[in-house]
Amino acid sequence: MAIAPKTRKKKAEARRFDRGRRYRKARQSFFDSDPMHRICAECLRHGITTEATELDHIIPAAKRPDLFDEPTNWQPLCRTCHEAKTKRENT
């Protein structure tokens, strides 16, 4: 009896968006294109300077998949702010 290989099931959300090489390259270009893209936009609004590590979609990609690759819909966030924003959007 042959045993089928295990496969990883991606979350439904992750499957909707291609986070492949092209996206990773665009993400890196966004961070490299402007020194301000390396600072968390949300922290900056509160007068705090924090390194941005996450690329956030201002309008969630789940709501507007057509804006997924649109740099005008991107903002740099630190992990803490990105997690908080995602939590607010999902409640």
C-alpha atoms as a PDB file:
ATOM      1  CA  MET A   1       0.000   0.000   0.000  1.00  0.00           C
ATOM      2  CA  ALA A   2       1.464   3.369  -1.021  1.00  0.00           C
ATOM      3  CA  ILE A   3       1.287   6.260   1.362  1.00  0.00           C
ATOM      4  CA  ALA A   4       0.453   9.609  -0.135  1.00  0.00           C
ATOM      5  CA  PRO A   5       3.001  12.336   0.636  1.00  0.00           C
ATOM      6  CA  LYS A   6       1.979  14.957   3.133  1.00  0.00           C
ATOM      7  CA  THR A   7       1.049  18.263   1.631  1.00  0.00           C
ATOM      8  CA  ARG A   8       0.873  21.583   3.350  1.00  0.00           C
ATOM      9  CA  LYS A   9      -2.469  23.244   3.164  1.00  0.00           C
ATOM     10  CA  LYS A  10      -2.159  26.979   2.858  1.00  0.00           C
ATOM     11  CA  LYS A  11      -4.648  29.159   4.581  1.00  0.00           C
ATOM     12  CA  ALA A  12      -7.378  30.284   2.229  1.00  0.00           C
ATOM     13  CA  GLU A  13      -6.240  33.876   2.595  1.00  0.00           C
ATOM     14  CA  ALA A  14      -2.649  33.080   1.650  1.00  0.00           C
ATOM     15  CA  ARG A  15      -3.794  31.223  -1.454  1.00  0.00           C
ATOM     16  CA  ARG A  16      -5.688  34.254  -2.755  1.00  0.00           C
ATOM     17  CA  PHE A  17      -2.569  36.366  -3.106  1.00  0.00           C
ATOM     18  CA  ASP A  18       0.662  35.526  -4.869  1.00  0.00           C
ATOM     19  CA  ARG A  19       3.480  36.401  -2.505  1.00  0.00           C
ATOM     20  CA  GLY A  20       6.054  35.029  -4.882  1.00  0.00           C
ATOM     21  CA  ARG A  21       9.314  36.420  -6.172  1.00  0.00           C
ATOM     22  CA  ARG A  22       7.713  39.353  -8.013  1.00  0.00           C
ATOM     23  CA  TYR A  23       5.930  40.536  -4.858  1.00  0.00           C
ATOM     24  CA  ARG A  24       9.030  40.110  -2.686  1.00  0.00           C
ATOM     25  CA  LYS A  25      11.071  42.139  -5.180  1.00  0.00           C
ATOM     26  CA  ALA A  26       8.434  44.904  -5.307  1.00  0.00           C
ATOM     27  CA  ARG A  27       8.257  44.910  -1.493  1.00  0.00           C
ATOM     28  CA  GLN A  28      12.029  45.302  -1.199  1.00  0.00           C
ATOM     29  CA  SER A  29      12.027  48.047  -3.838  1.00  0.00           C
ATOM     30  CA  PHE A  30       9.355  49.880  -1.845  1.00  0.00           C
ATOM     31  CA  PHE A  31      11.462  49.802   1.324  1.00  0.00           C
ATOM     32  CA  ASP A  32      14.603  50.827  -0.593  1.00  0.00           C
ATOM     33  CA  SER A  33      12.977  53.583  -2.685  1.00  0.00           C
ATOM     34  CA  ASP A  34      12.620  56.164   0.079  1.00  0.00           C
ATOM     35  CA  PRO A  35      14.245  56.440   3.527  1.00  0.00           C
ATOM     36  CA  MET A  36      10.794  57.255   4.959  1.00  0.00           C
ATOM     37  CA  HIS A  37       9.598  53.815   3.843  1.00  0.00           C
ATOM     38  CA  ARG A  38      11.857  52.341   6.528  1.00  0.00           C
ATOM     39  CA  ILE A  39       9.924  54.039   9.328  1.00  0.00           C
ATOM     40  CA  CYS A  40       6.592  52.790  10.672  1.00  0.00           C
ATOM     41  CA  ALA A  41       3.885  55.152   9.407  1.00  0.00           C
ATOM     42  CA  GLU A  42       1.580  54.532  12.383  1.00  0.00           C
ATOM     43  CA  CYS A  43       4.286  55.103  15.008  1.00  0.00           C
ATOM     44  CA  LEU A  44       5.355  58.243  13.145  1.00  0.00           C
ATOM     45  CA  ARG A  45       1.810  59.612  13.433  1.00  0.00           C
ATOM     46  CA  HIS A  46       2.312  59.376  17.216  1.00  0.00           C
ATOM     47  CA  GLY A  47       5.739  61.020  17.122  1.00  0.00           C
ATOM     48  CA  ILE A  48       7.665  57.786  17.571  1.00  0.00           C
ATOM     49  CA  THR A  49      10.385  56.569  15.230  1.00  0.00           C
ATOM     50  CA  THR A  50      10.278  52.783  14.809  1.00  0.00           C
ATOM     51  CA  GLU A  51      11.824  50.655  12.080  1.00  0.00           C
ATOM     52  CA  ALA A  52       9.262  49.336   9.603  1.00  0.00           C
ATOM     53  CA  THR A  53       9.469  45.605   9.002  1.00  0.00           C
ATOM     54  CA  GLU A  54       6.067  44.949   7.436  1.00  0.00           C
ATOM     55  CA  LEU A  55       4.495  46.092   4.191  1.00  0.00           C
ATOM     56  CA  ASP A  56       0.847  46.836   4.921  1.00  0.00           C
ATOM     57  CA  HIS A  57      -1.997  47.190   2.451  1.00  0.00           C
ATOM     58  CA  ILE A  58      -3.866  50.330   3.512  1.00  0.00           C
ATOM     59  CA  ILE A  59      -7.062  48.954   2.002  1.00  0.00           C
ATOM     60  CA  PRO A  60      -6.897  45.247   2.885  1.00  0.00           C
ATOM     61  CA  ALA A  61      -6.055  42.999  -0.031  1.00  0.00           C
ATOM     62  CA  ALA A  62      -8.934  40.728   0.955  1.00  0.00           C
ATOM     63  CA  LYS A  63     -11.359  43.579   0.242  1.00  0.00           C
ATOM     64  CA  ARG A  64      -9.617  44.939  -2.856  1.00  0.00           C
ATOM     65  CA  PRO A  65      -7.419  42.251  -4.474  1.00  0.00           C
ATOM     66  CA  ASP A  66      -6.965  44.541  -7.478  1.00  0.00           C
ATOM     67  CA  LEU A  67      -4.886  46.861  -5.254  1.00  0.00           C
ATOM     68  CA  PHE A  68      -2.564  44.099  -4.023  1.00  0.00           C
ATOM     69  CA  ASP A  69       0.335  45.152  -6.295  1.00  0.00           C
ATOM     70  CA  GLU A  70      -0.435  48.883  -6.136  1.00  0.00           C
ATOM     71  CA  PRO A  71       2.323  50.819  -4.280  1.00  0.00           C
ATOM     72  CA  THR A  72      -0.085  53.695  -3.563  1.00  0.00           C
ATOM     73  CA  ASN A  73      -1.977  51.234  -1.346  1.00  0.00           C
ATOM     74  CA  TRP A  74       1.123  50.259   0.643  1.00  0.00           C
ATOM     75  CA  GLN A  75       2.479  51.673   3.876  1.00  0.00           C
ATOM     76  CA  PRO A  76       5.422  50.633   6.029  1.00  0.00           C
ATOM     77  CA  LEU A  77       4.559  49.404   9.520  1.00  0.00           C
ATOM     78  CA  CYS A  78       6.410  47.810  12.416  1.00  0.00           C
ATOM     79  CA  ARG A  79       5.278  44.327  13.402  1.00  0.00           C
ATOM     80  CA  THR A  80       3.339  45.586  16.453  1.00  0.00           C
ATOM     81  CA  CYS A  81       1.336  48.150  14.483  1.00  0.00           C
ATOM     82  CA  HIS A  82       0.736  45.721  11.621  1.00  0.00           C
ATOM     83  CA  GLU A  83      -0.601  43.049  13.979  1.00  0.00           C
ATOM     84  CA  ALA A  84      -2.865  45.590  15.714  1.00  0.00           C
ATOM     85  CA  LYS A  85      -4.223  46.883  12.388  1.00  0.00           C
ATOM     86  CA  THR A  86      -4.833  43.372  11.108  1.00  0.00           C
ATOM     87  CA  LYS A  87      -6.633  42.460  14.323  1.00  0.00           C
ATOM     88  CA  ARG A  88      -8.888  45.556  14.044  1.00  0.00           C
ATOM     89  CA  GLU A  89      -9.701  44.728  10.427  1.00  0.00           C
ATOM     90  CA  ASN A  90     -10.576  41.120  11.217  1.00  0.00           C
ATOM     91  CA  THR A  91     -12.996  41.876  14.061  1.00  0.00           C
END
